[in-house]
Amino acid sequence: MMPIHELLSRIRWDPAFGSADFTLGYWDRVQERIVTVPLREATIDPQDHFAFDVVDDEGEVHHVPFHRVRQVFRNGTLIWERPAPP
């Protein structure tokens, strides 16, 4: 399986691949479920190799570690999935 950092780099730097609509699905520990967010709404600092920021419906900013990303969708199709922890 490709590491999430490599997939995000491909989305960023490959114009043909990255021009699609991407969605990240991350594990929310409070809600105990996968929460999906459009990649365009996530703030990814290229210098931060550990997490990204996302704002929820109530306007609260969440700092989400990359290891909690469980799924990535491209144009609605699942293209990447991390196995659930035991």
PDB file of N, CA and C in Angstrom:
ATOM      1  N   MET A   1       0.842  -1.180   0.000  1.00  0.00           N
ATOM      2  CA  MET A   1       0.000   0.000   0.000  1.00  0.00           C
ATOM      3  C   MET A   1       0.890   1.248   0.000  1.00  0.00           C
ATOM      4  N   MET A   2       0.517   2.198  -0.814  1.00  0.00           N
ATOM      5  CA  MET A   2       1.244   3.464  -0.898  1.00  0.00           C
ATOM      6  C   MET A   2       1.011   4.263   0.398  1.00  0.00           C
ATOM      7  N   PRO A   3       2.054   4.825   0.993  1.00  0.00           N
ATOM      8  CA  PRO A   3       1.865   5.677   2.168  1.00  0.00           C
ATOM      9  C   PRO A   3       1.016   6.908   1.814  1.00  0.00           C
ATOM     10  N   ILE A   4       0.257   7.394   2.777  1.00  0.00           N
ATOM     11  CA  ILE A   4      -0.632   8.541   2.538  1.00  0.00           C
ATOM     12  C   ILE A   4       0.149   9.762   2.059  1.00  0.00           C
ATOM     13  N   HIS A   5       1.358   9.960   2.555  1.00  0.00           N
ATOM     14  CA  HIS A   5       2.156  11.118   2.118  1.00  0.00           C
ATOM     15  C   HIS A   5       2.472  11.046   0.624  1.00  0.00           C
ATOM     16  N   GLU A   6       2.751   9.845   0.124  1.00  0.00           N
ATOM     17  CA  GLU A   6       3.039   9.697  -1.301  1.00  0.00           C
ATOM     18  C   GLU A   6       1.801   9.971  -2.145  1.00  0.00           C
ATOM     19  N   LEU A   7       0.648   9.488  -1.688  1.00  0.00           N
ATOM     20  CA  LEU A   7      -0.586   9.745  -2.423  1.00  0.00           C
ATOM     21  C   LEU A   7      -0.907  11.236  -2.448  1.00  0.00           C
ATOM     22  N   LEU A   8      -0.774  11.913  -1.323  1.00  0.00           N
ATOM     23  CA  LEU A   8      -1.040  13.348  -1.281  1.00  0.00           C
ATOM     24  C   LEU A   8      -0.054  14.126  -2.154  1.00  0.00           C
ATOM     25  N   SER A   9       1.190  13.684  -2.217  1.00  0.00           N
ATOM     26  CA  SER A   9       2.172  14.327  -3.103  1.00  0.00           C
ATOM     27  C   SER A   9       1.782  14.136  -4.562  1.00  0.00           C
ATOM     28  N   ARG A  10       1.314  12.946  -4.907  1.00  0.00           N
ATOM     29  CA  ARG A  10       0.888  12.710  -6.290  1.00  0.00           C
ATOM     30  C   ARG A  10      -0.299  13.597  -6.641  1.00  0.00           C
ATOM     31  N   ILE A  11      -1.243  13.710  -5.722  1.00  0.00           N
ATOM     32  CA  ILE A  11      -2.399  14.576  -5.966  1.00  0.00           C
ATOM     33  C   ILE A  11      -1.935  16.016  -6.193  1.00  0.00           C
ATOM     34  N   ARG A  12      -0.974  16.440  -5.401  1.00  0.00           N
ATOM     35  CA  ARG A  12      -0.481  17.825  -5.488  1.00  0.00           C
ATOM     36  C   ARG A  12       0.330  18.089  -6.755  1.00  0.00           C
ATOM     37  N   TRP A  13       1.173  17.134  -7.157  1.00  0.00           N
ATOM     38  CA  TRP A  13       2.138  17.405  -8.220  1.00  0.00           C
ATOM     39  C   TRP A  13       1.817  16.786  -9.570  1.00  0.00           C
ATOM     40  N   ASP A  14       0.878  15.858  -9.659  1.00  0.00           N
ATOM     41  CA  ASP A  14       0.520  15.232 -10.936  1.00  0.00           C
ATOM     42  C   ASP A  14      -0.753  15.916 -11.452  1.00  0.00           C
ATOM     43  N   PRO A  15      -0.619  16.830 -12.401  1.00  0.00           N
ATOM     44  CA  PRO A  15      -1.781  17.605 -12.851  1.00  0.00           C
ATOM     45  C   PRO A  15      -2.927  16.750 -13.384  1.00  0.00           C
ATOM     46  N   ALA A  16      -2.630  15.708 -14.124  1.00  0.00           N
ATOM     47  CA  ALA A  16      -3.687  14.869 -14.682  1.00  0.00           C
ATOM     48  C   ALA A  16      -4.438  14.119 -13.574  1.00  0.00           C
ATOM     49  N   PHE A  17      -3.712  13.575 -12.634  1.00  0.00           N
ATOM     50  CA  PHE A  17      -4.318  12.822 -11.537  1.00  0.00           C
ATOM     51  C   PHE A  17      -4.972  13.759 -10.521  1.00  0.00           C
ATOM     52  N   GLY A  18      -4.295  14.839 -10.195  1.00  0.00           N
ATOM     53  CA  GLY A  18      -4.741  15.736  -9.136  1.00  0.00           C
ATOM     54  C   GLY A  18      -5.879  16.667  -9.499  1.00  0.00           C
ATOM     55  N   SER A  19      -6.284  16.701 -10.765  1.00  0.00           N
ATOM     56  CA  SER A  19      -7.375  17.595 -11.164  1.00  0.00           C
ATOM     57  C   SER A  19      -8.749  17.053 -10.784  1.00  0.00           C
ATOM     58  N   ALA A  20      -8.806  15.859 -10.230  1.00  0.00           N
ATOM     59  CA  ALA A  20     -10.074  15.233  -9.847  1.00  0.00           C
ATOM     60  C   ALA A  20     -10.567  15.789  -8.504  1.00  0.00           C
ATOM     61  N   ASP A  21     -11.732  15.328  -8.095  1.00  0.00           N
ATOM     62  CA  ASP A  21     -12.339  15.714  -6.820  1.00  0.00           C
ATOM     63  C   ASP A  21     -11.973  14.651  -5.783  1.00  0.00           C
ATOM     64  N   PHE A  22     -11.226  15.039  -4.743  1.00  0.00           N
ATOM     65  CA  PHE A  22     -10.766  14.099  -3.724  1.00  0.00           C
ATOM     66  C   PHE A  22     -11.459  14.335  -2.389  1.00  0.00           C
ATOM     67  N   THR A  23     -11.686  13.251  -1.670  1.00  0.00           N
ATOM     68  CA  THR A  23     -12.275  13.289  -0.339  1.00  0.00           C
ATOM     69  C   THR A  23     -11.436  12.425   0.585  1.00  0.00           C
ATOM     70  N   LEU A  24     -11.148  12.955   1.784  1.00  0.00           N
ATOM     71  CA  LEU A  24     -10.424  12.193   2.799  1.00  0.00           C
ATOM     72  C   LEU A  24     -11.424  11.666   3.825  1.00  0.00           C
ATOM     73  N   GLY A  25     -11.232  10.434   4.238  1.00  0.00           N
ATOM     74  CA  GLY A  25     -12.018   9.860   5.320  1.00  0.00           C
ATOM     75  C   GLY A  25     -11.075   9.592   6.478  1.00  0.00           C
ATOM     76  N   TYR A  26     -11.307  10.265   7.612  1.00  0.00           N
ATOM     77  CA  TYR A  26     -10.420  10.071   8.767  1.00  0.00           C
ATOM     78  C   TYR A  26     -11.217   9.582   9.963  1.00  0.00           C
ATOM     79  N   TRP A  27     -10.535   8.855  10.844  1.00  0.00           N
ATOM     80  CA  TRP A  27     -11.165   8.321  12.044  1.00  0.00           C
ATOM     81  C   TRP A  27     -11.285   9.417  13.089  1.00  0.00           C
ATOM     82  N   ASP A  28     -12.512   9.703  13.497  1.00  0.00           N
ATOM     83  CA  ASP A  28     -12.766  10.682  14.550  1.00  0.00           C
ATOM     84  C   ASP A  28     -12.928   9.920  15.852  1.00  0.00           C
ATOM     85  N   ARG A  29     -12.015  10.149  16.784  1.00  0.00           N
ATOM     86  CA  ARG A  29     -12.018   9.409  18.050  1.00  0.00           C
ATOM     87  C   ARG A  29     -13.207   9.758  18.930  1.00  0.00           C
ATOM     88  N   VAL A  30     -13.697  10.987  18.845  1.00  0.00           N
ATOM     89  CA  VAL A  30     -14.833  11.392  19.669  1.00  0.00           C
ATOM     90  C   VAL A  30     -16.125  10.771  19.142  1.00  0.00           C
ATOM     91  N   GLN A  31     -16.330  10.870  17.839  1.00  0.00           N
ATOM     92  CA  GLN A  31     -17.545  10.327  17.231  1.00  0.00           C
ATOM     93  C   GLN A  31     -17.451   8.820  16.992  1.00  0.00           C
ATOM     94  N   GLU A  32     -16.241   8.288  17.087  1.00  0.00           N
ATOM     95  CA  GLU A  32     -15.967   6.865  16.855  1.00  0.00           C
ATOM     96  C   GLU A  32     -16.512   6.392  15.509  1.00  0.00           C
ATOM     97  N   ARG A  33     -16.161   7.153  14.481  1.00  0.00           N
ATOM     98  CA  ARG A  33     -16.555   6.810  13.113  1.00  0.00           C
ATOM     99  C   ARG A  33     -15.641   7.529  12.136  1.00  0.00           C
ATOM    100  N   ILE A  34     -15.712   7.121  10.883  1.00  0.00           N
ATOM    101  CA  ILE A  34     -14.954   7.797   9.831  1.00  0.00           C
ATOM    102  C   ILE A  34     -15.734   9.030   9.385  1.00  0.00           C
ATOM    103  N   VAL A  35     -15.063  10.159   9.400  1.00  0.00           N
ATOM    104  CA  VAL A  35     -15.633  11.427   8.956  1.00  0.00           C
ATOM    105  C   VAL A  35     -14.995  11.751   7.615  1.00  0.00           C
ATOM    106  N   THR A  36     -15.805  12.142   6.638  1.00  0.00           N
ATOM    107  CA  THR A  36     -15.261  12.493   5.330  1.00  0.00           C
ATOM    108  C   THR A  36     -15.262  14.008   5.153  1.00  0.00           C
ATOM    109  N   VAL A  37     -14.236  14.483   4.490  1.00  0.00           N
ATOM    110  CA  VAL A  37     -14.086  15.913   4.227  1.00  0.00           C
ATOM    111  C   VAL A  37     -13.451  16.069   2.841  1.00  0.00           C
ATOM    112  N   PRO A  38     -13.972  16.998   2.031  1.00  0.00           N
ATOM    113  CA  PRO A  38     -13.336  17.248   0.744  1.00  0.00           C
ATOM    114  C   PRO A  38     -11.889  17.710   0.957  1.00  0.00           C
ATOM    115  N   LEU A  39     -11.000  17.178   0.169  1.00  0.00           N
ATOM    116  CA  LEU A  39      -9.589  17.539   0.299  1.00  0.00           C
ATOM    117  C   LEU A  39      -9.388  19.043   0.146  1.00  0.00           C
ATOM    118  N   ARG A  40     -10.159  19.676  -0.709  1.00  0.00           N
ATOM    119  CA  ARG A  40     -10.012  21.124  -0.918  1.00  0.00           C
ATOM    120  C   ARG A  40     -10.338  21.916   0.347  1.00  0.00           C
ATOM    121  N   GLU A  41     -11.054  21.314   1.312  1.00  0.00           N
ATOM    122  CA  GLU A  41     -11.383  21.991   2.570  1.00  0.00           C
ATOM    123  C   GLU A  41     -10.359  21.707   3.668  1.00  0.00           C
ATOM    124  N   ALA A  42      -9.439  20.796   3.410  1.00  0.00           N
ATOM    125  CA  ALA A  42      -8.380  20.481   4.379  1.00  0.00           C
ATOM    126  C   ALA A  42      -7.205  21.422   4.145  1.00  0.00           C
ATOM    127  N   THR A  43      -6.602  21.861   5.234  1.00  0.00           N
ATOM    128  CA  THR A  43      -5.413  22.705   5.144  1.00  0.00           C
ATOM    129  C   THR A  43      -4.204  21.828   5.453  1.00  0.00           C
ATOM    130  N   ILE A  44      -3.369  21.642   4.425  1.00  0.00           N
ATOM    131  CA  ILE A  44      -2.187  20.793   4.578  1.00  0.00           C
ATOM    132  C   ILE A  44      -0.951  21.675   4.429  1.00  0.00           C
ATOM    133  N   ASP A  45      -0.205  21.783   5.516  1.00  0.00           N
ATOM    134  CA  ASP A  45       1.042  22.547   5.507  1.00  0.00           C
ATOM    135  C   ASP A  45       2.143  21.615   5.000  1.00  0.00           C
ATOM    136  N   PRO A  46       2.789  21.938   3.868  1.00  0.00           N
ATOM    137  CA  PRO A  46       3.831  21.063   3.328  1.00  0.00           C
ATOM    138  C   PRO A  46       4.978  20.796   4.306  1.00  0.00           C
ATOM    139  N   GLN A  47       5.156  21.676   5.289  1.00  0.00           N
ATOM    140  CA  GLN A  47       6.222  21.489   6.272  1.00  0.00           C
ATOM    141  C   GLN A  47       5.801  20.569   7.429  1.00  0.00           C
ATOM    142  N   ASP A  48       4.504  20.348   7.579  1.00  0.00           N
ATOM    143  CA  ASP A  48       3.993  19.487   8.656  1.00  0.00           C
ATOM    144  C   ASP A  48       3.761  18.097   8.084  1.00  0.00           C
ATOM    145  N   HIS A  49       4.613  17.171   8.430  1.00  0.00           N
ATOM    146  CA  HIS A  49       4.525  15.812   7.895  1.00  0.00           C
ATOM    147  C   HIS A  49       3.703  14.894   8.786  1.00  0.00           C
ATOM    148  N   PHE A  50       2.997  15.471   9.768  1.00  0.00           N
ATOM    149  CA  PHE A  50       2.286  14.650  10.736  1.00  0.00           C
ATOM    150  C   PHE A  50       0.777  14.848  10.752  1.00  0.00           C
ATOM    151  N   ALA A  51       0.274  16.010  10.300  1.00  0.00           N
ATOM    152  CA  ALA A  51      -1.152  16.272  10.446  1.00  0.00           C
ATOM    153  C   ALA A  51      -1.634  17.339   9.460  1.00  0.00           C
ATOM    154  N   PHE A  52      -2.955  17.456   9.370  1.00  0.00           N
ATOM    155  CA  PHE A  52      -3.591  18.514   8.598  1.00  0.00           C
ATOM    156  C   PHE A  52      -4.715  19.096   9.447  1.00  0.00           C
ATOM    157  N   ASP A  53      -5.225  20.250   9.037  1.00  0.00           N
ATOM    158  CA  ASP A  53      -6.310  20.906   9.758  1.00  0.00           C
ATOM    159  C   ASP A  53      -7.578  20.868   8.923  1.00  0.00           C
ATOM    160  N   VAL A  54      -8.704  20.739   9.620  1.00  0.00           N
ATOM    161  CA  VAL A  54     -10.006  20.761   8.967  1.00  0.00           C
ATOM    162  C   VAL A  54     -10.986  21.451   9.914  1.00  0.00           C
ATOM    163  N   VAL A  55     -11.908  22.210   9.342  1.00  0.00           N
ATOM    164  CA  VAL A  55     -12.916  22.918  10.121  1.00  0.00           C
ATOM    165  C   VAL A  55     -14.234  22.157   9.998  1.00  0.00           C
ATOM    166  N   ASP A  56     -14.867  21.860  11.159  1.00  0.00           N
ATOM    167  CA  ASP A  56     -16.136  21.123  11.132  1.00  0.00           C
ATOM    168  C   ASP A  56     -17.314  22.068  10.893  1.00  0.00           C
ATOM    169  N   ASP A  57     -18.523  21.528  10.880  1.00  0.00           N
ATOM    170  CA  ASP A  57     -19.726  22.310  10.596  1.00  0.00           C
ATOM    171  C   ASP A  57     -19.989  23.406  11.627  1.00  0.00           C
ATOM    172  N   GLU A  58     -19.469  23.227  12.836  1.00  0.00           N
ATOM    173  CA  GLU A  58     -19.655  24.225  13.889  1.00  0.00           C
ATOM    174  C   GLU A  58     -18.541  25.282  13.893  1.00  0.00           C
ATOM    175  N   GLY A  59     -17.601  25.178  12.958  1.00  0.00           N
ATOM    176  CA  GLY A  59     -16.513  26.137  12.865  1.00  0.00           C
ATOM    177  C   GLY A  59     -15.306  25.804  13.718  1.00  0.00           C
ATOM    178  N   GLU A  60     -15.304  24.625  14.329  1.00  0.00           N
ATOM    179  CA  GLU A  60     -14.177  24.212  15.170  1.00  0.00           C
ATOM    180  C   GLU A  60     -13.076  23.602  14.305  1.00  0.00           C
ATOM    181  N   VAL A  61     -11.833  24.023  14.562  1.00  0.00           N
ATOM    182  CA  VAL A  61     -10.687  23.504  13.814  1.00  0.00           C
ATOM    183  C   VAL A  61     -10.199  22.222  14.488  1.00  0.00           C
ATOM    184  N   HIS A  62      -9.992  21.187  13.676  1.00  0.00           N
ATOM    185  CA  HIS A  62      -9.462  19.913  14.166  1.00  0.00           C
ATOM    186  C   HIS A  62      -8.099  19.685  13.528  1.00  0.00           C
ATOM    187  N   HIS A  63      -7.122  19.330  14.337  1.00  0.00           N
ATOM    188  CA  HIS A  63      -5.771  18.990  13.885  1.00  0.00           C
ATOM    189  C   HIS A  63      -5.737  17.466  13.787  1.00  0.00           C
ATOM    190  N   VAL A  64      -5.774  16.938  12.577  1.00  0.00           N
ATOM    191  CA  VAL A  64      -5.927  15.500  12.346  1.00  0.00           C
ATOM    192  C   VAL A  64      -4.594  14.890  11.934  1.00  0.00           C
ATOM    193  N   PRO A  65      -4.062  13.952  12.724  1.00  0.00           N
ATOM    194  CA  PRO A  65      -2.827  13.272  12.334  1.00  0.00           C
ATOM    195  C   PRO A  65      -3.051  12.417  11.077  1.00  0.00           C
ATOM    196  N   PHE A  66      -2.061  12.381  10.215  1.00  0.00           N
ATOM    197  CA  PHE A  66      -2.183  11.595   8.980  1.00  0.00           C
ATOM    198  C   PHE A  66      -2.434  10.115   9.256  1.00  0.00           C
ATOM    199  N   HIS A  67      -1.973   9.606  10.398  1.00  0.00           N
ATOM    200  CA  HIS A  67      -2.185   8.182  10.660  1.00  0.00           C
ATOM    201  C   HIS A  67      -3.659   7.858  10.912  1.00  0.00           C
ATOM    202  N   ARG A  68      -4.503   8.879  11.106  1.00  0.00           N
ATOM    203  CA  ARG A  68      -5.933   8.636  11.278  1.00  0.00           C
ATOM    204  C   ARG A  68      -6.705   8.661   9.958  1.00  0.00           C
ATOM    205  N   VAL A  69      -6.034   9.015   8.859  1.00  0.00           N
ATOM    206  CA  VAL A  69      -6.691   8.954   7.553  1.00  0.00           C
ATOM    207  C   VAL A  69      -6.887   7.478   7.214  1.00  0.00           C
ATOM    208  N   ARG A  70      -8.117   7.095   6.948  1.00  0.00           N
ATOM    209  CA  ARG A  70      -8.456   5.697   6.667  1.00  0.00           C
ATOM    210  C   ARG A  70      -8.813   5.457   5.212  1.00  0.00           C
ATOM    211  N   GLN A  71      -9.323   6.502   4.524  1.00  0.00           N
ATOM    212  CA  GLN A  71      -9.787   6.324   3.154  1.00  0.00           C
ATOM    213  C   GLN A  71      -9.518   7.582   2.335  1.00  0.00           C
ATOM    214  N   VAL A  72      -9.326   7.384   1.040  1.00  0.00           N
ATOM    215  CA  VAL A  72      -9.237   8.491   0.093  1.00  0.00           C
ATOM    216  C   VAL A  72     -10.097   8.116  -1.106  1.00  0.00           C
ATOM    217  N   PHE A  73     -10.963   9.048  -1.494  1.00  0.00           N
ATOM    218  CA  PHE A  73     -11.841   8.853  -2.645  1.00  0.00           C
ATOM    219  C   PHE A  73     -11.439   9.820  -3.744  1.00  0.00           C
ATOM    220  N   ARG A  74     -11.496   9.334  -4.985  1.00  0.00           N
ATOM    221  CA  ARG A  74     -11.240  10.176  -6.160  1.00  0.00           C
ATOM    222  C   ARG A  74     -12.495  10.128  -7.009  1.00  0.00           C
ATOM    223  N   ASN A  75     -13.122  11.276  -7.202  1.00  0.00           N
ATOM    224  CA  ASN A  75     -14.389  11.349  -7.935  1.00  0.00           C
ATOM    225  C   ASN A  75     -15.407  10.339  -7.400  1.00  0.00           C
ATOM    226  N   GLY A  76     -15.447  10.189  -6.081  1.00  0.00           N
ATOM    227  CA  GLY A  76     -16.426   9.317  -5.434  1.00  0.00           C
ATOM    228  C   GLY A  76     -16.053   7.851  -5.369  1.00  0.00           C
ATOM    229  N   THR A  77     -14.928   7.469  -5.956  1.00  0.00           N
ATOM    230  CA  THR A  77     -14.491   6.070  -5.963  1.00  0.00           C
ATOM    231  C   THR A  77     -13.354   5.890  -4.960  1.00  0.00           C
ATOM    232  N   LEU A  78     -13.476   4.885  -4.125  1.00  0.00           N
ATOM    233  CA  LEU A  78     -12.426   4.584  -3.135  1.00  0.00           C
ATOM    234  C   LEU A  78     -11.158   4.155  -3.870  1.00  0.00           C
ATOM    235  N   ILE A  79     -10.057   4.900  -3.657  1.00  0.00           N
ATOM    236  CA  ILE A  79      -8.802   4.559  -4.333  1.00  0.00           C
ATOM    237  C   ILE A  79      -7.717   4.161  -3.352  1.00  0.00           C
ATOM    238  N   TRP A  80      -7.923   4.423  -2.057  1.00  0.00           N
ATOM    239  CA  TRP A  80      -6.904   4.121  -1.052  1.00  0.00           C
ATOM    240  C   TRP A  80      -7.614   3.851   0.268  1.00  0.00           C
ATOM    241  N   GLU A  81      -7.169   2.801   0.963  1.00  0.00           N
ATOM    242  CA  GLU A  81      -7.766   2.483   2.246  1.00  0.00           C
ATOM    243  C   GLU A  81      -6.734   1.865   3.157  1.00  0.00           C
ATOM    244  N   ARG A  82      -6.684   2.376   4.374  1.00  0.00           N
ATOM    245  CA  ARG A  82      -5.792   1.834   5.397  1.00  0.00           C
ATOM    246  C   ARG A  82      -6.598   0.814   6.198  1.00  0.00           C
ATOM    247  N   PRO A  83      -6.016  -0.335   6.491  1.00  0.00           N
ATOM    248  CA  PRO A  83      -6.744  -1.310   7.302  1.00  0.00           C
ATOM    249  C   PRO A  83      -7.068  -0.737   8.683  1.00  0.00           C
ATOM    250  N   ALA A  84      -8.234  -1.098   9.198  1.00  0.00           N
ATOM    251  CA  ALA A  84      -8.635  -0.651  10.532  1.00  0.00           C
ATOM    252  C   ALA A  84      -7.718  -1.281  11.577  1.00  0.00           C
ATOM    253  N   PRO A  85      -7.399  -0.528  12.632  1.00  0.00           N
ATOM    254  CA  PRO A  85      -6.561  -1.113  13.682  1.00  0.00           C
ATOM    255  C   PRO A  85      -7.296  -2.247  14.387  1.00  0.00           C
ATOM    256  N   PRO A  86      -6.538  -3.207  14.917  1.00  0.00           N
ATOM    257  CA  PRO A  86      -7.189  -4.353  15.586  1.00  0.00           C
ATOM    258  C   PRO A  86      -7.913  -3.951  16.847  1.00  0.00           C
TER     259      PRO A  86
END
